[in-house]
Amino acid sequence: MATVSRKLWERIVRGVNTTIKAFVAAKVGSSDYLGATKTIREKIAKIPGILKVEIIFGRYDIIAEVEAKDLDELSRLITDKIKSIPNVLSTETFICYQP
């Protein structure tokens, strides 16, 4: 998982009531690229903790706005839910800085 800012990490360790907001970008691989991308977008949108999902152009195919109560929940959401969807080849997570 990505490096977490020191300030955010200290808030998490001290138990300050906070949520983690992040963006998860996913690369899709399929012979039916557009159909698979739309299907994956719909599946991701149904996952609890997902706020918004968009199909994008560029290095990644889908980006999802995510909210989690802590890093463990964020990790489980990505590993157990998003990465387990067929044709999701890889993900990259961008944790938002919240001073």
C-alpha atoms as a PDB file:
ATOM      1  CA  MET A   1       0.000   0.000   0.000  1.00  0.00           C
ATOM      2  CA  ALA A   2       1.110   3.564  -0.578  1.00  0.00           C
ATOM      3  CA  THR A   3       3.032   5.645   1.946  1.00  0.00           C
ATOM      4  CA  VAL A   4       0.818   7.512   4.408  1.00  0.00           C
ATOM      5  CA  SER A   5       1.592  11.067   5.493  1.00  0.00           C
ATOM      6  CA  ARG A   6       3.058  11.314   8.978  1.00  0.00           C
ATOM      7  CA  LYS A   7       0.287  13.632  10.184  1.00  0.00           C
ATOM      8  CA  LEU A   8      -2.457  11.266   8.974  1.00  0.00           C
ATOM      9  CA  TRP A   9      -0.632   8.267  10.442  1.00  0.00           C
ATOM     10  CA  GLU A  10      -0.376   9.985  13.841  1.00  0.00           C
ATOM     11  CA  ARG A  11      -4.114  10.752  13.801  1.00  0.00           C
ATOM     12  CA  ILE A  12      -4.877   7.109  13.004  1.00  0.00           C
ATOM     13  CA  VAL A  13      -2.544   5.750  15.696  1.00  0.00           C
ATOM     14  CA  ARG A  14      -3.942   8.117  18.339  1.00  0.00           C
ATOM     15  CA  GLY A  15      -7.469   7.011  17.469  1.00  0.00           C
ATOM     16  CA  VAL A  16      -8.699  10.392  16.279  1.00  0.00           C
ATOM     17  CA  ASN A  17     -12.087   9.918  14.650  1.00  0.00           C
ATOM     18  CA  THR A  18     -11.203  10.173  10.984  1.00  0.00           C
ATOM     19  CA  THR A  19     -11.972   8.519   7.701  1.00  0.00           C
ATOM     20  CA  ILE A  20      -9.559   7.893   4.906  1.00  0.00           C
ATOM     21  CA  LYS A  21     -10.467   9.163   1.469  1.00  0.00           C
ATOM     22  CA  ALA A  22      -8.637   7.684  -1.491  1.00  0.00           C
ATOM     23  CA  PHE A  23      -8.849   7.157  -5.226  1.00  0.00           C
ATOM     24  CA  VAL A  24      -8.256   3.682  -6.622  1.00  0.00           C
ATOM     25  CA  ALA A  25      -7.291   3.393 -10.278  1.00  0.00           C
ATOM     26  CA  ALA A  26      -7.743   0.020 -11.976  1.00  0.00           C
ATOM     27  CA  LYS A  27      -6.352  -1.459 -15.176  1.00  0.00           C
ATOM     28  CA  VAL A  28      -8.749  -3.725 -17.064  1.00  0.00           C
ATOM     29  CA  GLY A  29      -7.777  -6.536 -19.406  1.00  0.00           C
ATOM     30  CA  SER A  30     -10.240  -8.326 -21.648  1.00  0.00           C
ATOM     31  CA  SER A  31     -10.850  -9.219 -25.276  1.00  0.00           C
ATOM     32  CA  ASP A  32     -14.177  -7.366 -24.950  1.00  0.00           C
ATOM     33  CA  TYR A  33     -12.536  -4.272 -23.478  1.00  0.00           C
ATOM     34  CA  LEU A  34     -15.422  -1.786 -23.455  1.00  0.00           C
ATOM     35  CA  GLY A  35     -18.017  -4.328 -22.320  1.00  0.00           C
ATOM     36  CA  ALA A  36     -15.746  -5.600 -19.548  1.00  0.00           C
ATOM     37  CA  THR A  37     -14.936  -2.074 -18.418  1.00  0.00           C
ATOM     38  CA  LYS A  38     -18.610  -1.173 -18.084  1.00  0.00           C
ATOM     39  CA  THR A  39     -19.345  -4.404 -16.202  1.00  0.00           C
ATOM     40  CA  ILE A  40     -16.417  -3.862 -13.825  1.00  0.00           C
ATOM     41  CA  ARG A  41     -17.508  -0.259 -13.247  1.00  0.00           C
ATOM     42  CA  GLU A  42     -20.988  -1.495 -12.247  1.00  0.00           C
ATOM     43  CA  LYS A  43     -19.536  -4.130  -9.884  1.00  0.00           C
ATOM     44  CA  ILE A  44     -17.209  -1.647  -8.199  1.00  0.00           C
ATOM     45  CA  ALA A  45     -20.046   0.867  -7.771  1.00  0.00           C
ATOM     46  CA  LYS A  46     -21.976  -1.702  -5.668  1.00  0.00           C
ATOM     47  CA  ILE A  47     -19.151  -2.181  -3.143  1.00  0.00           C
ATOM     48  CA  PRO A  48     -19.787  -0.512   0.241  1.00  0.00           C
ATOM     49  CA  GLY A  49     -17.361   2.376   0.739  1.00  0.00           C
ATOM     50  CA  ILE A  50     -17.250   3.326  -2.937  1.00  0.00           C
ATOM     51  CA  LEU A  51     -18.477   6.881  -3.405  1.00  0.00           C
ATOM     52  CA  LYS A  52     -18.116   7.280  -7.182  1.00  0.00           C
ATOM     53  CA  VAL A  53     -16.716   5.320 -10.142  1.00  0.00           C
ATOM     54  CA  GLU A  54     -15.722   6.631 -13.564  1.00  0.00           C
ATOM     55  CA  ILE A  55     -14.354   5.095 -16.764  1.00  0.00           C
ATOM     56  CA  ILE A  56     -11.265   7.070 -17.771  1.00  0.00           C
ATOM     57  CA  PHE A  57      -8.715   7.243 -20.589  1.00  0.00           C
ATOM     58  CA  GLY A  58      -4.988   6.921 -20.047  1.00  0.00           C
ATOM     59  CA  ARG A  59      -2.777   4.568 -18.081  1.00  0.00           C
ATOM     60  CA  TYR A  60      -5.763   3.219 -16.147  1.00  0.00           C
ATOM     61  CA  ASP A  61      -9.289   2.385 -17.270  1.00  0.00           C
ATOM     62  CA  ILE A  62     -11.390   3.002 -14.148  1.00  0.00           C
ATOM     63  CA  ILE A  63     -11.048   5.294 -11.147  1.00  0.00           C
ATOM     64  CA  ALA A  64     -13.060   4.976  -7.952  1.00  0.00           C
ATOM     65  CA  GLU A  65     -13.437   7.412  -5.084  1.00  0.00           C
ATOM     66  CA  VAL A  66     -13.285   5.446  -1.833  1.00  0.00           C
ATOM     67  CA  GLU A  67     -13.903   6.173   1.833  1.00  0.00           C
ATOM     68  CA  ALA A  68     -12.750   3.849   4.609  1.00  0.00           C
ATOM     69  CA  LYS A  69     -12.607   4.085   8.390  1.00  0.00           C
ATOM     70  CA  ASP A  70      -8.932   3.023   8.520  1.00  0.00           C
ATOM     71  CA  LEU A  71      -6.068   1.591   6.474  1.00  0.00           C
ATOM     72  CA  ASP A  72      -7.070  -1.999   7.213  1.00  0.00           C
ATOM     73  CA  GLU A  73     -10.558  -1.418   5.833  1.00  0.00           C
ATOM     74  CA  LEU A  74      -9.120   0.335   2.773  1.00  0.00           C
ATOM     75  CA  SER A  75      -6.713  -2.539   2.202  1.00  0.00           C
ATOM     76  CA  ARG A  76      -9.491  -5.147   2.495  1.00  0.00           C
ATOM     77  CA  LEU A  77     -11.734  -3.183   0.137  1.00  0.00           C
ATOM     78  CA  ILE A  78      -9.021  -3.083  -2.517  1.00  0.00           C
ATOM     79  CA  THR A  79      -7.614  -6.579  -2.043  1.00  0.00           C
ATOM     80  CA  ASP A  80     -10.764  -8.563  -1.269  1.00  0.00           C
ATOM     81  CA  LYS A  81     -13.327  -6.659  -3.332  1.00  0.00           C
ATOM     82  CA  ILE A  82     -11.824  -4.723  -6.254  1.00  0.00           C
ATOM     83  CA  LYS A  83      -8.873  -6.977  -7.129  1.00  0.00           C
ATOM     84  CA  SER A  84     -11.065 -10.080  -6.916  1.00  0.00           C
ATOM     85  CA  ILE A  85     -13.257  -8.887  -9.819  1.00  0.00           C
ATOM     86  CA  PRO A  86     -12.414 -10.850 -12.991  1.00  0.00           C
ATOM     87  CA  ASN A  87     -10.384  -8.868 -15.578  1.00  0.00           C
ATOM     88  CA  VAL A  88      -9.062  -6.339 -13.042  1.00  0.00           C
ATOM     89  CA  LEU A  89      -5.367  -6.694 -13.794  1.00  0.00           C
ATOM     90  CA  SER A  90      -3.917  -4.196 -11.337  1.00  0.00           C
ATOM     91  CA  THR A  91      -4.737  -1.238  -9.113  1.00  0.00           C
ATOM     92  CA  GLU A  92      -2.967   1.832  -7.784  1.00  0.00           C
ATOM     93  CA  THR A  93      -4.183   3.692  -4.710  1.00  0.00           C
ATOM     94  CA  PHE A  94      -3.901   7.423  -4.102  1.00  0.00           C
ATOM     95  CA  ILE A  95      -4.631   8.365  -0.489  1.00  0.00           C
ATOM     96  CA  CYS A  96      -5.863  11.947  -0.076  1.00  0.00           C
ATOM     97  CA  TYR A  97      -4.127  14.302   2.314  1.00  0.00           C
ATOM     98  CA  GLN A  98      -6.551  15.611   4.933  1.00  0.00           C
ATOM     99  CA  PRO A  99      -4.825  18.063   7.308  1.00  0.00           C
END
